[in-house]
Amino acid sequence: CCIDKSSNNKKIEYCEENAIFDEGTGANITIDHNSISKVGLKGLDKNGLSSGIFISSGSNRKIQNNIISGDNENMQYAIYLANTDQRSISIMNNKLLGARDYAIRLNENKTKTY
């Protein structure tokens, strides 16, 4: 990926796989004010590898004030929460555009709170 941190919104683009990948370590993580585009250029959809933001596992995450823009072809999901404690994850004030399958994918085996 190419990352430009010169403004308030970090610009992340030209990513072969995910733009932001959270493997689930750490606590109280906030993903805030990112502008993400041109994701999934490698074309790997296995296990959500073509997502703007992919959170593999974990809890206590905030995903807010992000712009995630796909081209309706390469980016499968704008946000993908795999094995997370969805009761403790806040998703708000994001602009999600151009995901090929879904804007947000949640794991159906986890508790969903909207």
N, C-alpha and C. Protein backbone atom coordinates (compact mmCIF):
# COMPACT_ATOMS: atom_id res chain seq x y z
N CYS A 1 0.83 -1.19 0.00
CA CYS A 1 0.00 0.00 0.00
C CYS A 1 0.87 1.25 0.00
N CYS A 2 0.31 2.29 -0.49
CA CYS A 2 0.93 3.60 -0.46
C CYS A 2 0.18 4.43 0.58
N ILE A 3 0.87 5.00 1.56
CA ILE A 3 0.23 5.75 2.64
C ILE A 3 0.75 7.18 2.65
N ASP A 4 -0.17 8.14 2.62
CA ASP A 4 0.16 9.56 2.69
C ASP A 4 -0.46 10.10 3.97
N LYS A 5 0.37 10.53 4.92
CA LYS A 5 -0.10 11.04 6.20
C LYS A 5 0.01 12.56 6.29
N SER A 6 0.03 13.25 5.16
CA SER A 6 0.28 14.69 5.16
C SER A 6 -0.94 15.53 5.55
N SER A 7 -2.12 14.93 5.63
CA SER A 7 -3.32 15.69 6.02
C SER A 7 -3.98 15.01 7.21
N ASN A 8 -5.10 15.57 7.66
CA ASN A 8 -5.83 14.97 8.78
C ASN A 8 -6.30 13.56 8.45
N ASN A 9 -6.77 13.35 7.21
CA ASN A 9 -7.16 12.01 6.76
C ASN A 9 -5.93 11.32 6.17
N LYS A 10 -5.59 10.17 6.73
CA LYS A 10 -4.51 9.39 6.16
C LYS A 10 -5.01 8.76 4.87
N LYS A 11 -4.27 8.90 3.79
CA LYS A 11 -4.68 8.38 2.50
C LYS A 11 -3.95 7.05 2.27
N ILE A 12 -4.73 5.97 2.13
CA ILE A 12 -4.18 4.63 1.91
C ILE A 12 -4.74 4.13 0.59
N GLU A 13 -3.86 3.79 -0.35
CA GLU A 13 -4.34 3.36 -1.66
C GLU A 13 -3.35 2.40 -2.32
N TYR A 14 -3.79 1.81 -3.42
CA TYR A 14 -3.00 0.86 -4.21
C TYR A 14 -2.54 -0.34 -3.37
N CYS A 15 -3.50 -0.98 -2.70
CA CYS A 15 -3.21 -2.12 -1.83
C CYS A 15 -3.50 -3.42 -2.57
N GLU A 16 -2.54 -4.32 -2.59
CA GLU A 16 -2.76 -5.61 -3.24
C GLU A 16 -3.80 -6.44 -2.49
N GLU A 17 -3.84 -6.31 -1.16
CA GLU A 17 -4.83 -7.03 -0.36
C GLU A 17 -5.61 -6.01 0.47
N ASN A 18 -5.70 -6.20 1.78
CA ASN A 18 -6.42 -5.28 2.66
C ASN A 18 -5.64 -3.98 2.85
N ALA A 19 -6.38 -2.89 3.03
CA ALA A 19 -5.72 -1.61 3.34
C ALA A 19 -5.31 -1.59 4.81
N ILE A 20 -6.22 -1.98 5.70
CA ILE A 20 -5.93 -2.05 7.14
C ILE A 20 -6.29 -3.45 7.61
N PHE A 21 -5.33 -4.13 8.22
CA PHE A 21 -5.54 -5.48 8.75
C PHE A 21 -5.26 -5.46 10.24
N ASP A 22 -6.24 -5.84 11.05
CA ASP A 22 -6.12 -5.92 12.51
C ASP A 22 -6.21 -7.40 12.88
N GLU A 23 -5.11 -7.97 13.34
CA GLU A 23 -5.09 -9.40 13.66
C GLU A 23 -5.74 -9.72 15.00
N GLY A 24 -6.13 -8.72 15.75
CA GLY A 24 -6.85 -8.95 16.99
C GLY A 24 -6.06 -8.75 18.26
N THR A 25 -4.80 -8.40 18.16
CA THR A 25 -4.02 -8.14 19.36
C THR A 25 -4.23 -6.68 19.77
N GLY A 26 -3.89 -6.38 20.98
CA GLY A 26 -4.06 -5.01 21.47
C GLY A 26 -5.46 -4.78 22.00
N ALA A 27 -5.64 -3.65 22.64
CA ALA A 27 -6.93 -3.33 23.25
C ALA A 27 -7.30 -1.89 22.93
N ASN A 28 -8.61 -1.65 22.87
CA ASN A 28 -9.14 -0.30 22.68
C ASN A 28 -8.52 0.40 21.47
N ILE A 29 -8.65 -0.21 20.31
CA ILE A 29 -8.06 0.30 19.08
C ILE A 29 -9.10 1.13 18.32
N THR A 30 -8.68 2.30 17.85
CA THR A 30 -9.53 3.18 17.05
C THR A 30 -8.93 3.32 15.66
N ILE A 31 -9.76 3.06 14.66
CA ILE A 31 -9.39 3.27 13.26
C ILE A 31 -10.19 4.48 12.80
N ASP A 32 -9.51 5.61 12.64
CA ASP A 32 -10.20 6.89 12.52
C ASP A 32 -9.56 7.76 11.43
N HIS A 33 -10.40 8.44 10.66
CA HIS A 33 -9.98 9.43 9.65
C HIS A 33 -8.99 8.87 8.64
N ASN A 34 -9.41 7.82 7.95
CA ASN A 34 -8.62 7.27 6.85
C ASN A 34 -9.41 7.42 5.56
N SER A 35 -8.69 7.68 4.49
CA SER A 35 -9.28 7.68 3.16
C SER A 35 -8.65 6.50 2.43
N ILE A 36 -9.46 5.46 2.17
CA ILE A 36 -8.96 4.20 1.63
C ILE A 36 -9.55 3.99 0.24
N SER A 37 -8.67 3.68 -0.73
CA SER A 37 -9.14 3.40 -2.09
C SER A 37 -8.17 2.46 -2.79
N LYS A 38 -8.63 1.90 -3.91
CA LYS A 38 -7.82 0.99 -4.74
C LYS A 38 -7.30 -0.18 -3.91
N VAL A 39 -8.24 -0.98 -3.39
CA VAL A 39 -7.95 -2.10 -2.49
C VAL A 39 -8.21 -3.42 -3.21
N GLY A 40 -7.46 -4.46 -2.83
CA GLY A 40 -7.69 -5.80 -3.37
C GLY A 40 -7.19 -5.99 -4.78
N LEU A 41 -6.15 -5.29 -5.15
CA LEU A 41 -5.67 -5.31 -6.53
C LEU A 41 -5.12 -6.68 -6.94
N LYS A 42 -4.74 -7.50 -5.97
CA LYS A 42 -4.23 -8.84 -6.27
C LYS A 42 -5.36 -9.80 -6.66
N GLY A 43 -6.60 -9.45 -6.30
CA GLY A 43 -7.75 -10.28 -6.66
C GLY A 43 -7.96 -11.50 -5.80
N LEU A 44 -7.45 -11.50 -4.56
CA LEU A 44 -7.62 -12.63 -3.64
C LEU A 44 -8.81 -12.40 -2.73
N ASP A 45 -9.88 -13.13 -2.94
CA ASP A 45 -11.05 -12.98 -2.09
C ASP A 45 -11.05 -13.96 -0.92
N LYS A 46 -10.12 -14.88 -0.88
CA LYS A 46 -10.09 -15.89 0.18
C LYS A 46 -9.98 -15.23 1.55
N ASN A 47 -10.90 -15.55 2.43
CA ASN A 47 -10.90 -15.07 3.81
C ASN A 47 -10.91 -13.54 3.93
N GLY A 48 -11.54 -12.86 3.02
CA GLY A 48 -11.67 -11.41 3.14
C GLY A 48 -10.44 -10.62 2.79
N LEU A 49 -9.52 -11.18 2.01
CA LEU A 49 -8.26 -10.49 1.71
C LEU A 49 -8.40 -9.32 0.75
N SER A 50 -9.60 -9.00 0.34
CA SER A 50 -9.82 -7.85 -0.55
C SER A 50 -10.73 -6.84 0.14
N SER A 51 -10.44 -6.54 1.41
CA SER A 51 -11.29 -5.64 2.21
C SER A 51 -10.57 -4.33 2.48
N GLY A 52 -11.35 -3.26 2.62
CA GLY A 52 -10.77 -1.98 3.02
C GLY A 52 -10.21 -2.08 4.43
N ILE A 53 -11.06 -2.50 5.38
CA ILE A 53 -10.64 -2.73 6.76
C ILE A 53 -11.05 -4.15 7.13
N PHE A 54 -10.10 -4.96 7.52
CA PHE A 54 -10.34 -6.35 7.91
C PHE A 54 -9.91 -6.52 9.36
N ILE A 55 -10.84 -6.92 10.23
CA ILE A 55 -10.51 -7.20 11.61
C ILE A 55 -10.70 -8.69 11.82
N SER A 56 -9.60 -9.39 12.03
CA SER A 56 -9.60 -10.84 12.14
C SER A 56 -10.27 -11.32 13.42
N SER A 57 -9.91 -10.73 14.54
CA SER A 57 -10.49 -11.10 15.83
C SER A 57 -10.29 -9.94 16.79
N GLY A 58 -10.81 -10.10 17.99
CA GLY A 58 -10.60 -9.07 19.00
C GLY A 58 -11.89 -8.39 19.42
N SER A 59 -11.73 -7.39 20.27
CA SER A 59 -12.87 -6.65 20.81
C SER A 59 -12.44 -5.22 21.06
N ASN A 60 -13.39 -4.40 21.48
CA ASN A 60 -13.14 -3.00 21.82
C ASN A 60 -12.43 -2.24 20.70
N ARG A 61 -13.12 -2.18 19.56
CA ARG A 61 -12.61 -1.44 18.41
C ARG A 61 -13.59 -0.34 18.04
N LYS A 62 -13.08 0.79 17.59
CA LYS A 62 -13.89 1.86 17.03
C LYS A 62 -13.45 2.09 15.60
N ILE A 63 -14.40 2.04 14.68
CA ILE A 63 -14.14 2.32 13.27
C ILE A 63 -14.99 3.53 12.93
N GLN A 64 -14.36 4.69 12.76
CA GLN A 64 -15.13 5.92 12.63
C GLN A 64 -14.46 6.92 11.70
N ASN A 65 -15.31 7.71 11.04
CA ASN A 65 -14.86 8.84 10.21
C ASN A 65 -13.93 8.43 9.07
N ASN A 66 -14.17 7.25 8.50
CA ASN A 66 -13.35 6.77 7.39
C ASN A 66 -14.13 6.87 6.08
N ILE A 67 -13.41 7.04 5.00
CA ILE A 67 -13.97 6.98 3.65
C ILE A 67 -13.31 5.78 2.98
N ILE A 68 -14.12 4.79 2.63
CA ILE A 68 -13.60 3.58 1.99
C ILE A 68 -14.29 3.46 0.65
N SER A 69 -13.49 3.53 -0.41
CA SER A 69 -14.03 3.60 -1.75
C SER A 69 -13.42 2.51 -2.63
N GLY A 70 -14.30 1.66 -3.18
CA GLY A 70 -13.86 0.62 -4.10
C GLY A 70 -14.30 0.92 -5.51
N ASP A 71 -13.97 0.03 -6.42
CA ASP A 71 -14.30 0.23 -7.83
C ASP A 71 -15.35 -0.76 -8.32
N ASN A 72 -16.09 -1.39 -7.39
CA ASN A 72 -17.12 -2.39 -7.70
C ASN A 72 -16.53 -3.65 -8.33
N GLU A 73 -15.23 -3.77 -8.38
CA GLU A 73 -14.60 -4.95 -8.98
C GLU A 73 -13.60 -5.61 -8.03
N ASN A 74 -12.64 -4.87 -7.52
CA ASN A 74 -11.56 -5.45 -6.72
C ASN A 74 -11.88 -5.57 -5.23
N MET A 75 -12.48 -4.56 -4.63
CA MET A 75 -12.74 -4.58 -3.19
C MET A 75 -14.01 -5.40 -2.90
N GLN A 76 -13.85 -6.51 -2.19
CA GLN A 76 -14.99 -7.37 -1.89
C GLN A 76 -15.88 -6.77 -0.79
N TYR A 77 -15.27 -6.32 0.32
CA TYR A 77 -16.00 -5.70 1.44
C TYR A 77 -15.28 -4.41 1.83
N ALA A 78 -16.03 -3.40 2.20
CA ALA A 78 -15.40 -2.19 2.74
C ALA A 78 -14.88 -2.49 4.15
N ILE A 79 -15.73 -3.12 4.98
CA ILE A 79 -15.35 -3.51 6.34
C ILE A 79 -15.75 -4.96 6.55
N TYR A 80 -14.83 -5.77 7.06
CA TYR A 80 -15.11 -7.18 7.34
C TYR A 80 -14.67 -7.49 8.77
N LEU A 81 -15.64 -7.87 9.60
CA LEU A 81 -15.38 -8.29 10.97
C LEU A 81 -15.51 -9.80 11.01
N ALA A 82 -14.41 -10.52 11.16
CA ALA A 82 -14.42 -11.98 11.08
C ALA A 82 -14.83 -12.59 12.43
N ASN A 83 -13.89 -12.84 13.28
CA ASN A 83 -14.16 -13.49 14.58
C ASN A 83 -14.01 -12.49 15.71
N THR A 84 -14.85 -11.50 15.70
CA THR A 84 -14.76 -10.41 16.68
C THR A 84 -15.92 -10.47 17.66
N ASP A 85 -15.75 -9.81 18.79
CA ASP A 85 -16.85 -9.63 19.73
C ASP A 85 -17.60 -8.38 19.26
N GLN A 86 -18.60 -8.60 18.43
CA GLN A 86 -19.28 -7.48 17.78
C GLN A 86 -20.05 -6.59 18.75
N ARG A 87 -20.33 -7.09 19.95
CA ARG A 87 -21.00 -6.25 20.94
C ARG A 87 -20.11 -5.11 21.40
N SER A 88 -18.80 -5.27 21.25
CA SER A 88 -17.86 -4.25 21.74
C SER A 88 -17.24 -3.42 20.62
N ILE A 89 -17.78 -3.54 19.41
CA ILE A 89 -17.23 -2.80 18.27
C ILE A 89 -18.21 -1.72 17.83
N SER A 90 -17.70 -0.52 17.67
CA SER A 90 -18.51 0.61 17.25
C SER A 90 -18.10 0.99 15.82
N ILE A 91 -19.11 1.06 14.94
CA ILE A 91 -18.88 1.51 13.56
C ILE A 91 -19.79 2.70 13.33
N MET A 92 -19.20 3.90 13.14
CA MET A 92 -20.04 5.07 12.95
C MET A 92 -19.37 6.13 12.09
N ASN A 93 -20.21 6.87 11.38
CA ASN A 93 -19.80 8.01 10.58
C ASN A 93 -18.75 7.65 9.52
N ASN A 94 -18.94 6.51 8.86
CA ASN A 94 -18.07 6.09 7.78
C ASN A 94 -18.81 6.22 6.45
N LYS A 95 -18.09 6.48 5.40
CA LYS A 95 -18.66 6.52 4.05
C LYS A 95 -18.10 5.32 3.30
N LEU A 96 -18.98 4.38 2.92
CA LEU A 96 -18.56 3.13 2.30
C LEU A 96 -19.14 3.05 0.89
N LEU A 97 -18.27 3.01 -0.11
CA LEU A 97 -18.70 3.05 -1.51
C LEU A 97 -18.00 1.96 -2.33
N GLY A 98 -18.72 1.35 -3.25
CA GLY A 98 -18.10 0.53 -4.28
C GLY A 98 -17.58 -0.83 -3.88
N ALA A 99 -18.13 -1.43 -2.82
CA ALA A 99 -17.76 -2.80 -2.49
C ALA A 99 -18.48 -3.75 -3.44
N ARG A 100 -17.79 -4.76 -3.91
CA ARG A 100 -18.37 -5.69 -4.87
C ARG A 100 -19.47 -6.55 -4.24
N ASP A 101 -19.25 -7.06 -3.02
CA ASP A 101 -20.25 -7.92 -2.39
C ASP A 101 -21.08 -7.16 -1.34
N TYR A 102 -20.46 -6.71 -0.26
CA TYR A 102 -21.19 -6.02 0.82
C TYR A 102 -20.35 -4.87 1.36
N ALA A 103 -21.01 -3.82 1.80
CA ALA A 103 -20.30 -2.72 2.46
C ALA A 103 -19.68 -3.20 3.77
N ILE A 104 -20.48 -3.93 4.58
CA ILE A 104 -19.98 -4.48 5.85
C ILE A 104 -20.35 -5.95 5.92
N ARG A 105 -19.37 -6.80 6.21
CA ARG A 105 -19.65 -8.22 6.43
C ARG A 105 -19.39 -8.54 7.89
N LEU A 106 -20.42 -9.12 8.53
CA LEU A 106 -20.33 -9.54 9.92
C LEU A 106 -20.36 -11.06 9.97
N ASN A 107 -19.74 -11.63 10.97
CA ASN A 107 -19.77 -13.08 11.15
C ASN A 107 -21.09 -13.45 11.79
N GLU A 108 -21.87 -14.29 11.13
CA GLU A 108 -23.21 -14.61 11.63
C GLU A 108 -23.22 -15.40 12.92
N ASN A 109 -22.10 -15.95 13.32
CA ASN A 109 -22.05 -16.71 14.58
C ASN A 109 -21.79 -15.82 15.79
N LYS A 110 -21.58 -14.56 15.58
CA LYS A 110 -21.31 -13.62 16.67
C LYS A 110 -22.54 -12.77 16.95
N THR A 111 -22.61 -12.20 18.12
CA THR A 111 -23.73 -11.33 18.47
C THR A 111 -23.65 -10.04 17.68
N LYS A 112 -24.74 -9.65 17.07
CA LYS A 112 -24.79 -8.44 16.28
C LYS A 112 -25.59 -7.38 17.01
N THR A 113 -25.02 -6.23 17.18
CA THR A 113 -25.71 -5.12 17.82
C THR A 113 -25.63 -3.93 16.86
N TYR A 114 -26.77 -3.33 16.57
CA TYR A 114 -26.79 -2.20 15.64
C TYR A 114 -27.21 -0.95 16.36
